[in-house]
Amino acid sequence: CFNYWWKDDNSTHGVSALDNPVGQDDSEYVTSAFELYLDSIQNDPFVIQLSFHNCHSPYIGTNSAKQACASGQTCKQGNYSDAEL
């Protein structure tokens, strides 16, 4: 896994790691943080790299995530094996 970092002028390195959990699906957190960033820079040019939660090998899906995928809510319809879910 990786950490999320925020600018912190009071730290030695100028950044601090986020220390509260963002949950199993970090897409809402990452999107919200990006929107806040866009608002803060107004129309200034920027370069950004967004990292959504990467898969782990092996990545063990929760029962609810497996069911949502298998039912077509979060994945394309398909005949997925348990290992794929």
PDB file of N, CA and C in Angstrom:
ATOM      1  N   CYS A   1       0.829  -1.189   0.000  1.00  0.00           N
ATOM      2  CA  CYS A   1       0.000   0.000   0.000  1.00  0.00           C
ATOM      3  C   CYS A   1       0.871   1.248   0.000  1.00  0.00           C
ATOM      4  N   PHE A   2       0.254   2.365  -0.191  1.00  0.00           N
ATOM      5  CA  PHE A   2       0.978   3.622  -0.179  1.00  0.00           C
ATOM      6  C   PHE A   2       0.258   4.601   0.742  1.00  0.00           C
ATOM      7  N   ASN A   3       0.953   5.644   1.107  1.00  0.00           N
ATOM      8  CA  ASN A   3       0.374   6.676   1.960  1.00  0.00           C
ATOM      9  C   ASN A   3      -0.124   7.839   1.117  1.00  0.00           C
ATOM     10  N   TYR A   4      -1.025   8.597   1.690  1.00  0.00           N
ATOM     11  CA  TYR A   4      -1.463   9.859   1.100  1.00  0.00           C
ATOM     12  C   TYR A   4      -0.718  10.958   1.838  1.00  0.00           C
ATOM     13  N   TRP A   5      -0.277  11.974   1.098  1.00  0.00           N
ATOM     14  CA  TRP A   5       0.555  13.024   1.664  1.00  0.00           C
ATOM     15  C   TRP A   5      -0.091  14.384   1.432  1.00  0.00           C
ATOM     16  N   TRP A   6       0.062  15.249   2.424  1.00  0.00           N
ATOM     17  CA  TRP A   6      -0.439  16.617   2.347  1.00  0.00           C
ATOM     18  C   TRP A   6       0.702  17.574   2.637  1.00  0.00           C
ATOM     19  N   LYS A   7       0.658  18.736   2.002  1.00  0.00           N
ATOM     20  CA  LYS A   7       1.648  19.777   2.270  1.00  0.00           C
ATOM     21  C   LYS A   7       1.588  20.134   3.756  1.00  0.00           C
ATOM     22  N   ASP A   8       2.773  20.263   4.363  1.00  0.00           N
ATOM     23  CA  ASP A   8       2.863  20.613   5.781  1.00  0.00           C
ATOM     24  C   ASP A   8       4.131  21.435   5.981  1.00  0.00           C
ATOM     25  N   ASP A   9       3.982  22.749   6.012  1.00  0.00           N
ATOM     26  CA  ASP A   9       5.136  23.637   6.141  1.00  0.00           C
ATOM     27  C   ASP A   9       5.844  23.481   7.479  1.00  0.00           C
ATOM     28  N   ASN A  10       5.197  22.879   8.460  1.00  0.00           N
ATOM     29  CA  ASN A  10       5.807  22.701   9.777  1.00  0.00           C
ATOM     30  C   ASN A  10       6.619  21.420   9.912  1.00  0.00           C
ATOM     31  N   SER A  11       6.545  20.541   8.932  1.00  0.00           N
ATOM     32  CA  SER A  11       7.305  19.293   9.020  1.00  0.00           C
ATOM     33  C   SER A  11       8.673  19.457   8.366  1.00  0.00           C
ATOM     34  N   THR A  12       9.592  18.589   8.730  1.00  0.00           N
ATOM     35  CA  THR A  12      10.954  18.641   8.205  1.00  0.00           C
ATOM     36  C   THR A  12      10.987  18.499   6.698  1.00  0.00           C
ATOM     37  N   HIS A  13      10.147  17.615   6.160  1.00  0.00           N
ATOM     38  CA  HIS A  13      10.165  17.334   4.727  1.00  0.00           C
ATOM     39  C   HIS A  13       9.169  18.169   3.930  1.00  0.00           C
ATOM     40  N   GLY A  14       8.340  18.955   4.611  1.00  0.00           N
ATOM     41  CA  GLY A  14       7.363  19.787   3.917  1.00  0.00           C
ATOM     42  C   GLY A  14       6.045  19.100   3.620  1.00  0.00           C
ATOM     43  N   VAL A  15       5.946  17.826   4.008  1.00  0.00           N
ATOM     44  CA  VAL A  15       4.715  17.065   3.825  1.00  0.00           C
ATOM     45  C   VAL A  15       4.478  16.195   5.056  1.00  0.00           C
ATOM     46  N   SER A  16       3.240  15.807   5.246  1.00  0.00           N
ATOM     47  CA  SER A  16       2.886  14.870   6.318  1.00  0.00           C
ATOM     48  C   SER A  16       1.973  13.806   5.745  1.00  0.00           C
ATOM     49  N   ALA A  17       2.144  12.585   6.247  1.00  0.00           N
ATOM     50  CA  ALA A  17       1.297  11.482   5.811  1.00  0.00           C
ATOM     51  C   ALA A  17      -0.064  11.587   6.479  1.00  0.00           C
ATOM     52  N   LEU A  18      -1.094  11.292   5.717  1.00  0.00           N
ATOM     53  CA  LEU A  18      -2.441  11.227   6.269  1.00  0.00           C
ATOM     54  C   LEU A  18      -2.490  10.049   7.226  1.00  0.00           C
ATOM     55  N   ASP A  19      -2.969  10.263   8.433  1.00  0.00           N
ATOM     56  CA  ASP A  19      -2.952   9.172   9.403  1.00  0.00           C
ATOM     57  C   ASP A  19      -4.334   8.621   9.748  1.00  0.00           C
ATOM     58  N   ASN A  20      -5.368   9.070   9.062  1.00  0.00           N
ATOM     59  CA  ASN A  20      -6.681   8.481   9.299  1.00  0.00           C
ATOM     60  C   ASN A  20      -7.054   7.599   8.107  1.00  0.00           C
ATOM     61  N   PRO A  21      -7.694   6.451   8.355  1.00  0.00           N
ATOM     62  CA  PRO A  21      -8.046   5.556   7.251  1.00  0.00           C
ATOM     63  C   PRO A  21      -9.049   6.205   6.299  1.00  0.00           C
ATOM     64  N   VAL A  22      -8.889   5.922   5.010  1.00  0.00           N
ATOM     65  CA  VAL A  22      -9.809   6.464   4.011  1.00  0.00           C
ATOM     66  C   VAL A  22     -10.839   5.430   3.572  1.00  0.00           C
ATOM     67  N   GLY A  23     -10.768   4.239   4.112  1.00  0.00           N
ATOM     68  CA  GLY A  23     -11.734   3.208   3.774  1.00  0.00           C
ATOM     69  C   GLY A  23     -11.237   2.290   2.685  1.00  0.00           C
ATOM     70  N   GLN A  24     -12.040   1.306   2.395  1.00  0.00           N
ATOM     71  CA  GLN A  24     -11.634   0.278   1.449  1.00  0.00           C
ATOM     72  C   GLN A  24     -11.553   0.796   0.016  1.00  0.00           C
ATOM     73  N   ASP A  25     -12.431   1.698  -0.344  1.00  0.00           N
ATOM     74  CA  ASP A  25     -12.431   2.292  -1.683  1.00  0.00           C
ATOM     75  C   ASP A  25     -12.022   3.742  -1.540  1.00  0.00           C
ATOM     76  N   ASP A  26     -10.813   4.055  -1.986  1.00  0.00           N
ATOM     77  CA  ASP A  26     -10.296   5.413  -1.775  1.00  0.00           C
ATOM     78  C   ASP A  26     -10.670   6.390  -2.876  1.00  0.00           C
ATOM     79  N   SER A  27     -11.468   5.950  -3.849  1.00  0.00           N
ATOM     80  CA  SER A  27     -11.765   6.825  -4.986  1.00  0.00           C
ATOM     81  C   SER A  27     -12.514   8.091  -4.565  1.00  0.00           C
ATOM     82  N   GLU A  28     -13.419   7.987  -3.603  1.00  0.00           N
ATOM     83  CA  GLU A  28     -14.149   9.176  -3.146  1.00  0.00           C
ATOM     84  C   GLU A  28     -13.198  10.159  -2.465  1.00  0.00           C
ATOM     85  N   TYR A  29     -12.301   9.650  -1.632  1.00  0.00           N
ATOM     86  CA  TYR A  29     -11.337  10.514  -0.948  1.00  0.00           C
ATOM     87  C   TYR A  29     -10.406  11.198  -1.957  1.00  0.00           C
ATOM     88  N   VAL A  30      -9.868  10.417  -2.895  1.00  0.00           N
ATOM     89  CA  VAL A  30      -8.926  10.968  -3.872  1.00  0.00           C
ATOM     90  C   VAL A  30      -9.617  12.021  -4.742  1.00  0.00           C
ATOM     91  N   THR A  31     -10.830  11.735  -5.173  1.00  0.00           N
ATOM     92  CA  THR A  31     -11.580  12.692  -6.003  1.00  0.00           C
ATOM     93  C   THR A  31     -11.879  13.970  -5.234  1.00  0.00           C
ATOM     94  N   SER A  32     -12.300  13.832  -3.990  1.00  0.00           N
ATOM     95  CA  SER A  32     -12.595  15.004  -3.163  1.00  0.00           C
ATOM     96  C   SER A  32     -11.335  15.846  -2.941  1.00  0.00           C
ATOM     97  N   ALA A  33     -10.223  15.188  -2.655  1.00  0.00           N
ATOM     98  CA  ALA A  33      -8.965  15.911  -2.442  1.00  0.00           C
ATOM     99  C   ALA A  33      -8.545  16.639  -3.715  1.00  0.00           C
ATOM    100  N   PHE A  34      -8.739  16.002  -4.864  1.00  0.00           N
ATOM    101  CA  PHE A  34      -8.400  16.636  -6.140  1.00  0.00           C
ATOM    102  C   PHE A  34      -9.273  17.857  -6.388  1.00  0.00           C
ATOM    103  N   GLU A  35     -10.556  17.745  -6.110  1.00  0.00           N
ATOM    104  CA  GLU A  35     -11.453  18.889  -6.292  1.00  0.00           C
ATOM    105  C   GLU A  35     -11.061  20.046  -5.377  1.00  0.00           C
ATOM    106  N   LEU A  36     -10.688  19.753  -4.141  1.00  0.00           N
ATOM    107  CA  LEU A  36     -10.223  20.803  -3.224  1.00  0.00           C
ATOM    108  C   LEU A  36      -8.961  21.467  -3.768  1.00  0.00           C
ATOM    109  N   TYR A  37      -8.077  20.659  -4.315  1.00  0.00           N
ATOM    110  CA  TYR A  37      -6.844  21.195  -4.895  1.00  0.00           C
ATOM    111  C   TYR A  37      -7.157  22.113  -6.071  1.00  0.00           C
ATOM    112  N   LEU A  38      -8.030  21.662  -6.958  1.00  0.00           N
ATOM    113  CA  LEU A  38      -8.397  22.500  -8.106  1.00  0.00           C
ATOM    114  C   LEU A  38      -8.971  23.833  -7.654  1.00  0.00           C
ATOM    115  N   ASP A  39      -9.822  23.812  -6.638  1.00  0.00           N
ATOM    116  CA  ASP A  39     -10.389  25.057  -6.112  1.00  0.00           C
ATOM    117  C   ASP A  39      -9.303  25.962  -5.550  1.00  0.00           C
ATOM    118  N   SER A  40      -8.281  25.365  -4.931  1.00  0.00           N
ATOM    119  CA  SER A  40      -7.247  26.172  -4.270  1.00  0.00           C
ATOM    120  C   SER A  40      -6.299  26.847  -5.250  1.00  0.00           C
ATOM    121  N   ILE A  41      -6.113  26.284  -6.430  1.00  0.00           N
ATOM    122  CA  ILE A  41      -5.156  26.874  -7.374  1.00  0.00           C
ATOM    123  C   ILE A  41      -5.812  27.823  -8.358  1.00  0.00           C
ATOM    124  N   GLN A  42      -7.120  27.915  -8.304  1.00  0.00           N
ATOM    125  CA  GLN A  42      -7.887  28.749  -9.222  1.00  0.00           C
ATOM    126  C   GLN A  42      -7.571  28.348 -10.655  1.00  0.00           C
ATOM    127  N   ASN A  43      -7.006  29.208 -11.459  1.00  0.00           N
ATOM    128  CA  ASN A  43      -6.720  28.857 -12.854  1.00  0.00           C
ATOM    129  C   ASN A  43      -5.231  28.689 -13.136  1.00  0.00           C
ATOM    130  N   ASP A  44      -4.432  28.514 -12.084  1.00  0.00           N
ATOM    131  CA  ASP A  44      -2.996  28.334 -12.288  1.00  0.00           C
ATOM    132  C   ASP A  44      -2.716  26.989 -12.967  1.00  0.00           C
ATOM    133  N   PRO A  45      -1.681  26.938 -13.807  1.00  0.00           N
ATOM    134  CA  PRO A  45      -1.318  25.653 -14.415  1.00  0.00           C
ATOM    135  C   PRO A  45      -0.827  24.688 -13.335  1.00  0.00           C
ATOM    136  N   PHE A  46      -0.974  23.397 -13.592  1.00  0.00           N
ATOM    137  CA  PHE A  46      -0.532  22.408 -12.621  1.00  0.00           C
ATOM    138  C   PHE A  46      -0.228  21.087 -13.303  1.00  0.00           C
ATOM    139  N   VAL A  47       0.518  20.282 -12.613  1.00  0.00           N
ATOM    140  CA  VAL A  47       0.748  18.887 -12.989  1.00  0.00           C
ATOM    141  C   VAL A  47       0.392  18.075 -11.768  1.00  0.00           C
ATOM    142  N   ILE A  48      -0.332  17.005 -11.974  1.00  0.00           N
ATOM    143  CA  ILE A  48      -0.737  16.191 -10.830  1.00  0.00           C
ATOM    144  C   ILE A  48      -0.721  14.720 -11.213  1.00  0.00           C
ATOM    145  N   GLN A  49      -0.430  13.897 -10.262  1.00  0.00           N
ATOM    146  CA  GLN A  49      -0.487  12.453 -10.456  1.00  0.00           C
ATOM    147  C   GLN A  49      -1.446  11.916  -9.399  1.00  0.00           C
ATOM    148  N   LEU A  50      -2.542  11.314  -9.850  1.00  0.00           N
ATOM    149  CA  LEU A  50      -3.533  10.755  -8.932  1.00  0.00           C
ATOM    150  C   LEU A  50      -3.355   9.246  -8.874  1.00  0.00           C
ATOM    151  N   SER A  51      -3.307   8.717  -7.675  1.00  0.00           N
ATOM    152  CA  SER A  51      -3.191   7.272  -7.498  1.00  0.00           C
ATOM    153  C   SER A  51      -4.441   6.763  -6.820  1.00  0.00           C
ATOM    154  N   PHE A  52      -5.218   6.003  -7.551  1.00  0.00           N
ATOM    155  CA  PHE A  52      -6.342   5.318  -6.944  1.00  0.00           C
ATOM    156  C   PHE A  52      -5.823   3.989  -6.415  1.00  0.00           C
ATOM    157  N   HIS A  53      -6.548   3.403  -5.505  1.00  0.00           N
ATOM    158  CA  HIS A  53      -6.079   2.203  -4.826  1.00  0.00           C
ATOM    159  C   HIS A  53      -5.636   1.154  -5.832  1.00  0.00           C
ATOM    160  N   ASN A  54      -4.399   0.761  -5.702  1.00  0.00           N
ATOM    161  CA  ASN A  54      -3.866  -0.251  -6.604  1.00  0.00           C
ATOM    162  C   ASN A  54      -4.210  -1.650  -6.095  1.00  0.00           C
ATOM    163  N   CYS A  55      -4.306  -2.571  -7.007  1.00  0.00           N
ATOM    164  CA  CYS A  55      -4.595  -3.958  -6.628  1.00  0.00           C
ATOM    165  C   CYS A  55      -3.363  -4.594  -6.010  1.00  0.00           C
ATOM    166  N   HIS A  56      -3.605  -5.491  -5.132  1.00  0.00           N
ATOM    167  CA  HIS A  56      -2.538  -6.239  -4.489  1.00  0.00           C
ATOM    168  C   HIS A  56      -2.551  -7.657  -5.040  1.00  0.00           C
ATOM    169  N   SER A  57      -1.443  -8.302  -4.986  1.00  0.00           N
ATOM    170  CA  SER A  57      -1.378  -9.682  -5.427  1.00  0.00           C
ATOM    171  C   SER A  57      -0.997 -10.539  -4.239  1.00  0.00           C
ATOM    172  N   PRO A  58      -1.848 -11.352  -3.710  1.00  0.00           N
ATOM    173  CA  PRO A  58      -3.243 -11.464  -4.117  1.00  0.00           C
ATOM    174  C   PRO A  58      -4.093 -10.395  -3.445  1.00  0.00           C
ATOM    175  N   TYR A  59      -5.071  -9.907  -4.148  1.00  0.00           N
ATOM    176  CA  TYR A  59      -6.041  -8.970  -3.587  1.00  0.00           C
ATOM    177  C   TYR A  59      -7.282  -9.764  -3.228  1.00  0.00           C
ATOM    178  N   ILE A  60      -7.669  -9.713  -1.983  1.00  0.00           N
ATOM    179  CA  ILE A  60      -8.829 -10.468  -1.520  1.00  0.00           C
ATOM    180  C   ILE A  60     -10.022  -9.521  -1.470  1.00  0.00           C
ATOM    181  N   GLY A  61     -10.994  -9.733  -2.345  1.00  0.00           N
ATOM    182  CA  GLY A  61     -12.194  -8.901  -2.373  1.00  0.00           C
ATOM    183  C   GLY A  61     -13.122  -9.243  -1.216  1.00  0.00           C
ATOM    184  N   THR A  62     -13.774  -8.245  -0.679  1.00  0.00           N
ATOM    185  CA  THR A  62     -14.780  -8.504   0.357  1.00  0.00           C
ATOM    186  C   THR A  62     -15.987  -9.176  -0.280  1.00  0.00           C
ATOM    187  N   ASN A  63     -16.791  -9.830   0.525  1.00  0.00           N
ATOM    188  CA  ASN A  63     -17.993 -10.481  -0.004  1.00  0.00           C
ATOM    189  C   ASN A  63     -18.896  -9.475  -0.712  1.00  0.00           C
ATOM    190  N   SER A  64     -19.079  -8.298  -0.111  1.00  0.00           N
ATOM    191  CA  SER A  64     -19.966  -7.308  -0.738  1.00  0.00           C
ATOM    192  C   SER A  64     -19.387  -6.797  -2.057  1.00  0.00           C
ATOM    193  N   ALA A  65     -18.059  -6.621  -2.131  1.00  0.00           N
ATOM    194  CA  ALA A  65     -17.436  -6.175  -3.380  1.00  0.00           C
ATOM    195  C   ALA A  65     -17.540  -7.262  -4.443  1.00  0.00           C
ATOM    196  N   LYS A  66     -17.367  -8.523  -4.051  1.00  0.00           N
ATOM    197  CA  LYS A  66     -17.490  -9.629  -5.002  1.00  0.00           C
ATOM    198  C   LYS A  66     -18.911  -9.717  -5.545  1.00  0.00           C
ATOM    199  N   GLN A  67     -19.894  -9.565  -4.661  1.00  0.00           N
ATOM    200  CA  GLN A  67     -21.294  -9.636  -5.082  1.00  0.00           C
ATOM    201  C   GLN A  67     -21.646  -8.485  -6.022  1.00  0.00           C
ATOM    202  N   ALA A  68     -21.157  -7.280  -5.706  1.00  0.00           N
ATOM    203  CA  ALA A  68     -21.440  -6.120  -6.559  1.00  0.00           C
ATOM    204  C   ALA A  68     -20.835  -6.307  -7.945  1.00  0.00           C
ATOM    205  N   CYS A  69     -19.653  -6.876  -8.010  1.00  0.00           N
ATOM    206  CA  CYS A  69     -19.014  -7.118  -9.299  1.00  0.00           C
ATOM    207  C   CYS A  69     -19.756  -8.215 -10.066  1.00  0.00           C
ATOM    208  N   ALA A  70     -20.020  -9.312  -9.395  1.00  0.00           N
ATOM    209  CA  ALA A  70     -20.687 -10.442 -10.054  1.00  0.00           C
ATOM    210  C   ALA A  70     -22.067 -10.068 -10.579  1.00  0.00           C
ATOM    211  N   SER A  71     -22.737  -9.138  -9.908  1.00  0.00           N
ATOM    212  CA  SER A  71     -24.081  -8.738 -10.336  1.00  0.00           C
ATOM    213  C   SER A  71     -24.055  -7.648 -11.410  1.00  0.00           C
ATOM    214  N   GLY A  72     -22.861  -7.169 -11.765  1.00  0.00           N
ATOM    215  CA  GLY A  72     -22.746  -6.152 -12.807  1.00  0.00           C
ATOM    216  C   GLY A  72     -22.847  -4.725 -12.308  1.00  0.00           C
ATOM    217  N   GLN A  73     -22.897  -4.525 -10.990  1.00  0.00           N
ATOM    218  CA  GLN A  73     -22.992  -3.164 -10.444  1.00  0.00           C
ATOM    219  C   GLN A  73     -21.683  -2.403 -10.597  1.00  0.00           C
ATOM    220  N   THR A  74     -20.558  -3.083 -10.382  1.00  0.00           N
ATOM    221  CA  THR A  74     -19.264  -2.400 -10.392  1.00  0.00           C
ATOM    222  C   THR A  74     -18.311  -2.928 -11.441  1.00  0.00           C
ATOM    223  N   CYS A  75     -18.691  -3.985 -12.137  1.00  0.00           N
ATOM    224  CA  CYS A  75     -17.865  -4.585 -13.188  1.00  0.00           C
ATOM    225  C   CYS A  75     -18.737  -4.840 -14.410  1.00  0.00           C
ATOM    226  N   LYS A  76     -18.080  -5.021 -15.542  1.00  0.00           N
ATOM    227  CA  LYS A  76     -18.821  -5.448 -16.725  1.00  0.00           C
ATOM    228  C   LYS A  76     -19.382  -6.838 -16.460  1.00  0.00           C
ATOM    229  N   GLN A  77     -20.549  -7.110 -17.011  1.00  0.00           N
ATOM    230  CA  GLN A  77     -21.132  -8.441 -16.869  1.00  0.00           C
ATOM    231  C   GLN A  77     -20.137  -9.470 -17.394  1.00  0.00           C
ATOM    232  N   GLY A  78     -20.013 -10.554 -16.675  1.00  0.00           N
ATOM    233  CA  GLY A  78     -19.097 -11.605 -17.101  1.00  0.00           C
ATOM    234  C   GLY A  78     -19.198 -12.798 -16.180  1.00  0.00           C
ATOM    235  N   ASN A  79     -18.503 -13.839 -16.546  1.00  0.00           N
ATOM    236  CA  ASN A  79     -18.461 -15.051 -15.749  1.00  0.00           C
ATOM    237  C   ASN A  79     -17.119 -15.085 -15.033  1.00  0.00           C
ATOM    238  N   TYR A  80     -17.009 -14.390 -13.912  1.00  0.00           N
ATOM    239  CA  TYR A  80     -15.752 -14.237 -13.189  1.00  0.00           C
ATOM    240  C   TYR A  80     -15.522 -15.403 -12.236  1.00  0.00           C
ATOM    241  N   SER A  81     -14.283 -15.861 -12.181  1.00  0.00           N
ATOM    242  CA  SER A  81     -13.926 -16.889 -11.209  1.00  0.00           C
ATOM    243  C   SER A  81     -13.773 -16.231  -9.845  1.00  0.00           C
ATOM    244  N   ASP A  82     -13.721 -17.032  -8.791  1.00  0.00           N
ATOM    245  CA  ASP A  82     -13.536 -16.495  -7.451  1.00  0.00           C
ATOM    246  C   ASP A  82     -12.191 -15.756  -7.350  1.00  0.00           C
ATOM    247  N   ALA A  83     -11.182 -16.272  -8.032  1.00  0.00           N
ATOM    248  CA  ALA A  83      -9.872 -15.624  -8.018  1.00  0.00           C
ATOM    249  C   ALA A  83      -9.912 -14.250  -8.686  1.00  0.00           C
ATOM    250  N   GLU A  84     -10.723 -14.112  -9.729  1.00  0.00           N
ATOM    251  CA  GLU A  84     -10.845 -12.829 -10.411  1.00  0.00           C
ATOM    252  C   GLU A  84     -11.622 -11.825  -9.586  1.00  0.00           C
ATOM    253  N   LEU A  85     -12.562 -12.305  -8.799  1.00  0.00           N
ATOM    254  CA  LEU A  85     -13.347 -11.403  -7.960  1.00  0.00           C
ATOM    255  C   LEU A  85     -12.545 -11.000  -6.761  1.00  0.00           C
TER     256      LEU A  85
END
